[in-house]
PDB file of N, CA and C in Angstrom:
ATOM      1  N   MET A   1      55.849  86.902 108.900  1.00  0.00           N
ATOM      2  CA  MET A   1      56.273  85.963 107.852  1.00  0.00           C
ATOM      3  C   MET A   1      56.236  86.646 106.479  1.00  0.00           C
ATOM      4  N   ARG A   2      55.178  87.399 106.241  1.00  0.00           N
ATOM      5  CA  ARG A   2      55.045  88.085 104.956  1.00  0.00           C
ATOM      6  C   ARG A   2      56.126  89.150 104.790  1.00  0.00           C
ATOM      7  N   LEU A   3      56.461  89.819 105.890  1.00  0.00           N
ATOM      8  CA  LEU A   3      57.499  90.842 105.846  1.00  0.00           C
ATOM      9  C   LEU A   3      58.851  90.220 105.505  1.00  0.00           C
ATOM     10  N   LEU A   4      59.129  89.050 106.048  1.00  0.00           N
ATOM     11  CA  LEU A   4      60.397  88.372 105.774  1.00  0.00           C
ATOM     12  C   LEU A   4      60.502  87.983 104.299  1.00  0.00           C
ATOM     13  N   MET A   5      59.416  87.472 103.729  1.00  0.00           N
ATOM     14  CA  MET A   5      59.432  87.094 102.314  1.00  0.00           C
ATOM     15  C   MET A   5      59.618  88.323 101.430  1.00  0.00           C
ATOM     16  N   MET A   6      58.964  89.435 101.783  1.00  0.00           N
ATOM     17  CA  MET A   6      59.129  90.657 100.994  1.00  0.00           C
ATOM     18  C   MET A   6      60.559  91.173 101.095  1.00  0.00           C
ATOM     19  N   LEU A   7      61.171  91.047 102.258  1.00  0.00           N
ATOM     20  CA  LEU A   7      62.553  91.482 102.436  1.00  0.00           C
ATOM     21  C   LEU A   7      63.502  90.636 101.587  1.00  0.00           C
ATOM     22  N   ILE A   8      63.297  89.324 101.589  1.00  0.00           N
ATOM     23  CA  ILE A   8      64.138  88.430 100.785  1.00  0.00           C
ATOM     24  C   ILE A   8      63.967  88.739  99.305  1.00  0.00           C
ATOM     25  N   LEU A   9      62.742  88.963  98.865  1.00  0.00           N
ATOM     26  CA  LEU A   9      62.487  89.285  97.464  1.00  0.00           C
ATOM     27  C   LEU A   9      63.162  90.595  97.082  1.00  0.00           C
ATOM     28  N   ALA A  10      63.077  91.595  97.947  1.00  0.00           N
ATOM     29  CA  ALA A  10      63.711  92.883  97.664  1.00  0.00           C
ATOM     30  C   ALA A  10      65.227  92.726  97.566  1.00  0.00           C
ATOM     31  N   LEU A  11      65.820  91.925  98.434  1.00  0.00           N
ATOM     32  CA  LEU A  11      67.265  91.698  98.380  1.00  0.00           C
ATOM     33  C   LEU A  11      67.662  90.999  97.078  1.00  0.00           C
ATOM     34  N   MET A  12      66.866  90.039  96.637  1.00  0.00           N
ATOM     35  CA  MET A  12      67.165  89.343  95.389  1.00  0.00           C
ATOM     36  C   MET A  12      67.106  90.306  94.208  1.00  0.00           C
ATOM     37  N   VAL A  13      66.077  91.165  94.182  1.00  0.00           N
ATOM     38  CA  VAL A  13      65.931  92.117  93.077  1.00  0.00           C
ATOM     39  C   VAL A  13      67.102  93.095  93.061  1.00  0.00           C
ATOM     40  N   THR A  14      67.480  93.609  94.231  1.00  0.00           N
ATOM     41  CA  THR A  14      68.591  94.564  94.268  1.00  0.00           C
ATOM     42  C   THR A  14      69.901  93.904  93.868  1.00  0.00           C
ATOM     43  N   SER A  15      70.096  92.649  94.235  1.00  0.00           N
ATOM     44  CA  SER A  15      71.337  91.974  93.851  1.00  0.00           C
ATOM     45  C   SER A  15      71.390  91.758  92.341  1.00  0.00           C
ATOM     46  N   VAL A  16      70.261  91.388  91.734  1.00  0.00           N
ATOM     47  CA  VAL A  16      70.234  91.195  90.279  1.00  0.00           C
ATOM     48  C   VAL A  16      70.490  92.518  89.568  1.00  0.00           C
ATOM     49  N   ILE A  17      69.859  93.587  90.043  1.00  0.00           N
ATOM     50  CA  ILE A  17      70.068  94.901  89.424  1.00  0.00           C
ATOM     51  C   ILE A  17      71.529  95.332  89.590  1.00  0.00           C
ATOM     52  N   GLY A  18      72.112  95.056  90.742  1.00  0.00           N
ATOM     53  CA  GLY A  18      73.512  95.403  90.964  1.00  0.00           C
ATOM     54  C   GLY A  18      74.438  94.636  90.035  1.00  0.00           C
ATOM     55  N   ILE A  19      74.184  93.351  89.852  1.00  0.00           N
ATOM     56  CA  ILE A  19      75.028  92.535  88.973  1.00  0.00           C
ATOM     57  C   ILE A  19      74.907  93.039  87.532  1.00  0.00           C
ATOM     58  N   LEU A  20      73.680  93.306  87.084  1.00  0.00           N
ATOM     59  CA  LEU A  20      73.502  93.797  85.722  1.00  0.00           C
ATOM     60  C   LEU A  20      74.159  95.163  85.544  1.00  0.00           C
ATOM     61  N   GLY A  21      74.051  96.016  86.544  1.00  0.00           N
ATOM     62  CA  GLY A  21      74.663  97.335  86.453  1.00  0.00           C
ATOM     63  C   GLY A  21      76.172  97.242  86.355  1.00  0.00           C
ATOM     64  N   VAL A  22      76.771  96.349  87.127  1.00  0.00           N
ATOM     65  CA  VAL A  22      78.224  96.182  87.068  1.00  0.00           C
ATOM     66  C   VAL A  22      78.633  95.632  85.715  1.00  0.00           C
ATOM     67  N   GLN A  23      77.889  94.680  85.175  1.00  0.00           N
ATOM     68  CA  GLN A  23      78.234  94.114  83.869  1.00  0.00           C
ATOM     69  C   GLN A  23      78.125  95.163  82.776  1.00  0.00           C
ATOM     70  N   MET A  24      77.077  95.980  82.820  1.00  0.00           N
ATOM     71  CA  MET A  24      76.921  97.020  81.802  1.00  0.00           C
ATOM     72  C   MET A  24      78.034  98.053  81.928  1.00  0.00           C
ATOM     73  N   PHE A  25      78.390  98.436  83.138  1.00  0.00           N
ATOM     74  CA  PHE A  25      79.442  99.427  83.337  1.00  0.00           C
ATOM     75  C   PHE A  25      80.790  98.875  82.887  1.00  0.00           C
ATOM     76  N   ASP A  26      81.059  97.613  83.203  1.00  0.00           N
ATOM     77  CA  ASP A  26      82.336  96.998  82.835  1.00  0.00           C
ATOM     78  C   ASP A  26      82.415  96.802  81.319  1.00  0.00           C
ATOM     79  N   GLY A  27      81.329  96.385  80.712  1.00  0.00           N
ATOM     80  CA  GLY A  27      81.340  96.166  79.265  1.00  0.00           C
ATOM     81  C   GLY A  27      81.445  97.473  78.495  1.00  0.00           C
ATOM     82  N   GLY A  28      80.881  98.546  79.016  1.00  0.00           N
ATOM     83  CA  GLY A  28      80.931  99.821  78.311  1.00  0.00           C
ATOM     84  C   GLY A  28      82.272 100.498  78.422  1.00  0.00           C
ATOM     85  N   SER A  29      82.993 100.253  79.509  1.00  0.00           N
ATOM     86  CA  SER A  29      84.254 100.971  79.723  1.00  0.00           C
ATOM     87  C   SER A  29      85.403 100.334  78.944  1.00  0.00           C
ATOM     88  N   SER A  30      85.391  99.017  78.765  1.00  0.00           N
ATOM     89  CA  SER A  30      86.511  98.348  78.080  1.00  0.00           C
ATOM     90  C   SER A  30      86.077  97.973  76.660  1.00  0.00           C
ATOM     91  N   LYS A  31      86.575  98.746  75.694  1.00  0.00           N
ATOM     92  CA  LYS A  31      86.236  98.472  74.295  1.00  0.00           C
ATOM     93  C   LYS A  31      87.176  97.428  73.694  1.00  0.00           C
ATOM     94  N   THR A  32      88.430  97.392  74.154  1.00  0.00           N
ATOM     95  CA  THR A  32      89.408  96.479  73.577  1.00  0.00           C
ATOM     96  C   THR A  32      89.245  95.082  74.160  1.00  0.00           C
ATOM     97  N   PRO A  33      89.418  94.052  73.356  1.00  0.00           N
ATOM     98  CA  PRO A  33      89.320  92.684  73.881  1.00  0.00           C
ATOM     99  C   PRO A  33      90.521  92.378  74.768  1.00  0.00           C
ATOM    100  N   PRO A  34      90.372  91.456  75.684  1.00  0.00           N
ATOM    101  CA  PRO A  34      91.505  91.110  76.557  1.00  0.00           C
ATOM    102  C   PRO A  34      92.658  90.499  75.768  1.00  0.00           C
ATOM    103  N   ALA A  35      93.869  90.765  76.211  1.00  0.00           N
ATOM    104  CA  ALA A  35      95.053  90.256  75.514  1.00  0.00           C
ATOM    105  C   ALA A  35      95.132  88.739  75.663  1.00  0.00           C
ATOM    106  N   VAL A  36      95.502  88.087  74.581  1.00  0.00           N
ATOM    107  CA  VAL A  36      95.624  86.628  74.592  1.00  0.00           C
ATOM    108  C   VAL A  36      97.058  86.269  74.957  1.00  0.00           C
ATOM    109  N   ILE A  37      97.200  85.445  75.972  1.00  0.00           N
ATOM    110  CA  ILE A  37      98.533  85.026  76.403  1.00  0.00           C
ATOM    111  C   ILE A  37      98.935  83.785  75.601  1.00  0.00           C
ATOM    112  N   GLN A  38     100.016  83.926  74.850  1.00  0.00           N
ATOM    113  CA  GLN A  38     100.468  82.794  74.031  1.00  0.00           C
ATOM    114  C   GLN A  38     101.562  82.057  74.782  1.00  0.00           C
ATOM    115  N   GLN A  39     101.374  80.746  74.887  1.00  0.00           N
ATOM    116  CA  GLN A  39     102.365  79.918  75.561  1.00  0.00           C
ATOM    117  C   GLN A  39     103.034  79.010  74.548  1.00  0.00           C
ATOM    118  N   SER A  40     104.345  78.795  74.739  1.00  0.00           N
ATOM    119  CA  SER A  40     105.047  77.891  73.842  1.00  0.00           C
ATOM    120  C   SER A  40     104.625  76.455  74.123  1.00  0.00           C
ATOM    121  N   GLU A  41     104.655  75.641  73.073  1.00  0.00           N
ATOM    122  CA  GLU A  41     104.229  74.264  73.237  1.00  0.00           C
ATOM    123  C   GLU A  41     105.296  73.477  74.003  1.00  0.00           C
ATOM    124  N   PRO A  42     104.875  72.583  74.882  1.00  0.00           N
ATOM    125  CA  PRO A  42     105.860  71.774  75.606  1.00  0.00           C
ATOM    126  C   PRO A  42     106.608  70.824  74.675  1.00  0.00           C
ATOM    127  N   LYS A  43     107.872  70.632  74.925  1.00  0.00           N
ATOM    128  CA  LYS A  43     108.676  69.760  74.043  1.00  0.00           C
ATOM    129  C   LYS A  43     108.779  68.352  74.611  1.00  0.00           C
TER     130      LYS A  43
END
């Protein structure tokens, strides 16, 4: 039982670290803001 809880905790920590790593990598690579799509107003 203790081994299962430690495994779940380790998976949660690795997933959080992975998400943060992807966000940092994505934010560092794209300096320009995303293009804004302008739509004409409906008549």
